[in-house]
Protein backbone atom coordinates (compact mmCIF):
# COMPACT_ATOMS: atom_id res chain seq x y z
CA UNK A 1 6.65 21.58 -21.55
CA UNK A 2 4.93 24.78 -20.97
CA UNK A 3 3.76 24.90 -24.50
CA UNK A 4 2.35 21.37 -24.41
CA UNK A 5 0.30 22.18 -21.32
CA UNK A 6 -1.00 25.32 -23.09
CA UNK A 7 -2.17 23.19 -26.04
CA UNK A 8 -4.03 20.82 -23.67
CA UNK A 9 -5.69 23.85 -22.04
CA UNK A 10 -6.87 25.32 -25.35
CA UNK A 11 -8.03 21.86 -26.63
CA UNK A 12 -9.98 21.29 -23.43
CA UNK A 13 -11.53 24.77 -23.79
CA UNK A 14 -12.68 23.94 -27.26
CA UNK A 15 -14.35 20.72 -26.12
CA UNK A 16 -15.91 22.59 -23.23
CA UNK A 17 -17.40 25.22 -25.65
CA UNK A 18 -18.53 22.52 -28.02
CA UNK A 19 -20.29 20.66 -25.16
CA UNK A 20 -21.90 23.86 -24.03
CA UNK A 21 -23.16 24.53 -27.56
CA UNK A 22 -24.51 21.06 -27.81
CA UNK A 23 -26.43 21.49 -24.47
CA UNK A 24 -27.81 24.89 -25.55
CA UNK A 25 -28.90 23.37 -28.90
CA UNK A 26 -30.58 20.44 -27.09
CA UNK A 27 -32.23 22.70 -24.62
CA UNK A 28 -33.44 24.99 -27.46
CA UNK A 29 -34.76 21.96 -29.40
CA UNK A 30 -36.66 20.69 -26.35
CA UNK A 31 -38.17 24.04 -25.87
CA UNK A 32 -39.27 24.13 -29.58
CA UNK A 33 -40.68 20.57 -29.20
CA UNK A 34 -42.62 21.50 -26.04
CA UNK A 35 -44.09 24.70 -27.82
CA UNK A 36 -45.01 22.65 -30.89
CA UNK A 37 -46.63 19.99 -28.71
CA UNK A 38 -48.67 22.64 -26.88
CA UNK A 39 -49.71 24.26 -30.16
CA UNK A 40 -50.91 20.95 -31.58
CA UNK A 41 -52.62 20.02 -28.45
CA UNK A 42 -54.48 23.36 -28.36
CA UNK A 43 -55.54 23.07 -31.96
CA UNK A 44 -56.91 19.49 -31.37
CA UNK A 45 -58.61 20.71 -28.11
CA UNK A 46 -60.22 23.61 -30.00
CA UNK A 47 -61.69 21.33 -32.62
CA UNK A 48 -63.02 19.01 -29.87
CA UNK A 49 -64.49 22.01 -28.11
CA UNK A 50 -66.22 23.13 -31.27
CA UNK A 51 -67.65 19.59 -31.79
CA UNK A 52 -68.90 19.35 -28.15
CA UNK A 53 -70.44 22.80 -28.49
CA UNK A 54 -72.24 21.88 -31.67
CA UNK A 55 -73.35 18.58 -30.02
CA UNK A 56 -75.25 20.55 -27.42
CA UNK A 57 -77.35 22.19 -30.17
CA UNK A 58 -78.09 18.89 -32.14
CA UNK A 59 -75.92 19.76 -35.09
CA UNK A 60 -73.64 16.69 -35.20
CA UNK A 61 -76.12 13.81 -35.66
CA UNK A 62 -76.97 10.74 -33.61
CA UNK A 63 -73.52 10.53 -32.07
CA UNK A 64 -73.74 14.21 -31.09
CA UNK A 65 -77.06 13.56 -29.54
CA UNK A 66 -75.61 10.84 -27.24
CA UNK A 67 -72.65 13.08 -26.36
CA UNK A 68 -75.08 15.91 -25.62
CA UNK A 69 -77.22 13.62 -23.48
CA UNK A 70 -74.11 12.59 -21.47
CA UNK A 71 -72.94 16.22 -21.05
CA UNK A 72 -76.41 17.35 -19.84
CA UNK A 73 -76.65 14.30 -17.57
CA UNK A 74 -73.37 15.23 -15.92
CA UNK A 75 -73.47 19.04 -15.92
CA UNK A 76 -77.11 19.93 -16.45
CA UNK A 77 -77.84 23.41 -17.97
CA UNK A 78 -74.25 24.43 -17.59
CA UNK A 79 -73.32 21.84 -20.32
CA UNK A 80 -73.77 24.55 -22.74
CA UNK A 81 -70.64 26.35 -21.47
CA UNK A 82 -68.56 23.18 -20.63
CA UNK A 83 -66.72 22.93 -23.90
CA UNK A 84 -65.70 26.61 -23.83
CA UNK A 85 -64.64 26.58 -20.28
CA UNK A 86 -62.68 23.36 -20.73
CA UNK A 87 -60.82 24.92 -23.56
CA UNK A 88 -60.11 28.10 -21.67
CA UNK A 89 -58.96 26.13 -18.64
CA UNK A 90 -56.57 23.87 -20.57
CA UNK A 91 -55.08 26.80 -22.47
CA UNK A 92 -54.61 28.74 -19.26
CA UNK A 93 -52.91 25.71 -17.79
CA UNK A 94 -50.60 25.36 -20.76
CA UNK A 95 -49.69 29.15 -20.60
CA UNK A 96 -48.97 29.06 -16.86
CA UNK A 97 -47.56 25.57 -16.36
CA UNK A 98 -45.87 25.24 -12.95
CA UNK A 99 -47.25 28.57 -11.66
CA UNK A 100 -48.80 28.11 -8.11
CA UNK A 101 -51.12 31.09 -8.68
CA UNK A 102 -52.48 29.46 -11.81
CA UNK A 103 -53.30 26.24 -9.80
CA UNK A 104 -55.17 28.39 -7.20
CA UNK A 105 -57.11 30.12 -10.03
CA UNK A 106 -57.97 26.80 -11.62
CA UNK A 107 -59.40 25.45 -8.38
CA UNK A 108 -61.35 28.67 -7.97
CA UNK A 109 -62.66 28.35 -11.50
CA UNK A 110 -63.81 24.75 -10.81
CA UNK A 111 -65.56 25.90 -7.59
CA UNK A 112 -67.24 28.71 -9.38
CA UNK A 113 -68.42 26.36 -12.21
CA UNK A 114 -69.81 23.98 -9.57
CA UNK A 115 -71.63 26.79 -7.82
CA UNK A 116 -73.11 27.90 -11.17
CA UNK A 117 -74.37 24.34 -11.56
CA UNK A 118 -75.79 24.33 -8.16
CA UNK A 119 -77.59 27.58 -8.96
CA UNK A 120 -79.01 26.02 -12.11
CA UNK A 121 -80.22 23.08 -10.09
CA UNK A 122 -81.84 25.30 -7.46
CA UNK A 123 -83.62 27.20 -10.13
CA UNK A 124 -84.89 24.06 -11.93
CA UNK A 125 -85.67 22.21 -8.70
CA UNK A 126 -84.29 18.88 -10.01
CA UNK A 127 -82.58 17.81 -6.75
CA UNK A 128 -85.12 19.62 -4.56
CA UNK A 129 -87.96 17.39 -6.00
CA UNK A 130 -86.09 14.17 -4.93
CA UNK A 131 -87.35 12.70 -1.67
CA UNK A 132 -84.29 10.63 -1.41
CA UNK A 133 -81.09 10.68 -3.34
CA UNK A 134 -81.34 8.82 -6.76
CA UNK A 135 -78.56 9.37 -9.10
CA UNK A 136 -80.40 7.74 -12.02
CA UNK A 137 -83.51 9.99 -11.63
CA UNK A 138 -81.21 13.08 -11.36
CA UNK A 139 -79.26 12.01 -14.55
CA UNK A 140 -82.42 11.27 -16.44
CA UNK A 141 -84.17 14.53 -15.50
CA UNK A 142 -81.13 16.66 -16.39
CA UNK A 143 -80.23 14.67 -19.57
CA UNK A 144 -83.75 14.63 -20.99
CA UNK A 145 -84.83 18.10 -19.87
CA UNK A 146 -81.55 19.84 -20.57
CA UNK A 147 -81.84 21.68 -17.22
CA UNK A 148 -80.69 21.43 -13.67
CA UNK A 149 -77.22 20.85 -12.35
CA UNK A 150 -76.65 17.35 -13.68
CA UNK A 151 -75.39 14.60 -11.36
CA UNK A 152 -72.37 16.53 -10.27
CA UNK A 153 -73.79 19.89 -9.11
CA UNK A 154 -77.27 18.25 -8.49
CA UNK A 155 -75.70 15.95 -6.00
CA UNK A 156 -74.07 18.86 -4.32
CA UNK A 157 -77.35 20.74 -4.35
CA UNK A 158 -79.27 17.73 -2.88
CA UNK A 159 -76.71 17.33 0.00
CA UNK A 160 -76.69 21.03 0.85
CA UNK A 161 -80.48 21.13 0.66
CA UNK A 162 -80.77 18.18 3.03
CA UNK A 163 -78.20 19.53 5.58
CA UNK A 164 -78.68 23.30 5.24
CA UNK A 165 -82.21 23.86 3.82
CA UNK A 166 -82.72 26.44 1.14
CA UNK A 167 -81.47 29.50 3.04
CA UNK A 168 -78.19 27.91 4.23
CA UNK A 169 -77.61 26.42 0.74
CA UNK A 170 -78.05 29.95 -0.90
CA UNK A 171 -75.65 31.50 1.71
CA UNK A 172 -73.00 28.80 1.12
CA UNK A 173 -73.34 29.15 -2.63
CA UNK A 174 -73.01 32.99 -2.39
CA UNK A 175 -69.93 32.61 -0.14
CA UNK A 176 -68.24 30.15 -2.52
CA UNK A 177 -69.03 32.38 -5.50
CA UNK A 178 -67.63 35.34 -3.83
CA UNK A 179 -64.46 33.72 -2.72
CA UNK A 180 -63.98 32.16 -6.22
CA UNK A 181 -64.38 35.52 -7.89
CA UNK A 182 -61.85 37.21 -5.56
CA UNK A 183 -59.39 34.40 -6.15
CA UNK A 184 -59.84 34.56 -9.87
CA UNK A 185 -59.61 38.32 -10.24
CA UNK A 186 -57.17 38.91 -7.30
CA UNK A 187 -59.35 41.87 -6.35
CA UNK A 188 -61.39 42.32 -3.19
C-alpha cells in the first residue's frame, strides 16, 4: 500500500508542475499581448500625432484645415504643441501604468499646459477684450487668428481676470507653473 500512495503523490506532483507551467505560459502570453498592444497603440498614436502636427501648418488639405481650426479654437496658440504633448503623455502613461507618481506628474503636466495656454491668452488679449463671457467669440478669435488660449485656457483666463484682475492672475499663473515644475521634476 505504501508504494501505491507513493505513485499517487508523484502523479499529483506532475499534475501540479504541469498546471504551474500552463499558468506561467498563460501569464507570459498575456504579458506579450499587452506589450504588443502598447507597441501598436504607440505606433498608431505617433502617426496621428504627425498628422495633427502637419494639420496645424496647413499641409494636409481641407480636412486638415478643419482639424487645425478646431485645435486652435480649443487650445489657441498652444495647439502647435498639443500633438507632441499628447503623444508624450500617453507614452509616459503606458510606460508607468499603475504608478501613483506618474499620475501626479500627468496632472502637473496638464496644469502646466493650461497655464501656458493662459499665458498665451494674456499675451494676445483674447479673453481680456471680452466685456462678458462669450464662448463663440473666444473660439472664433482663437480659431481664425491662431492665437490666444482657445476656449479652454481662454475661459480660465477670463474667469481669473474677472475675479483677480491682471496682477492676481499673473501671480496665480506663476504659482501654478512653479508647483507644476516642482512636481514634474521632483526638484525644489
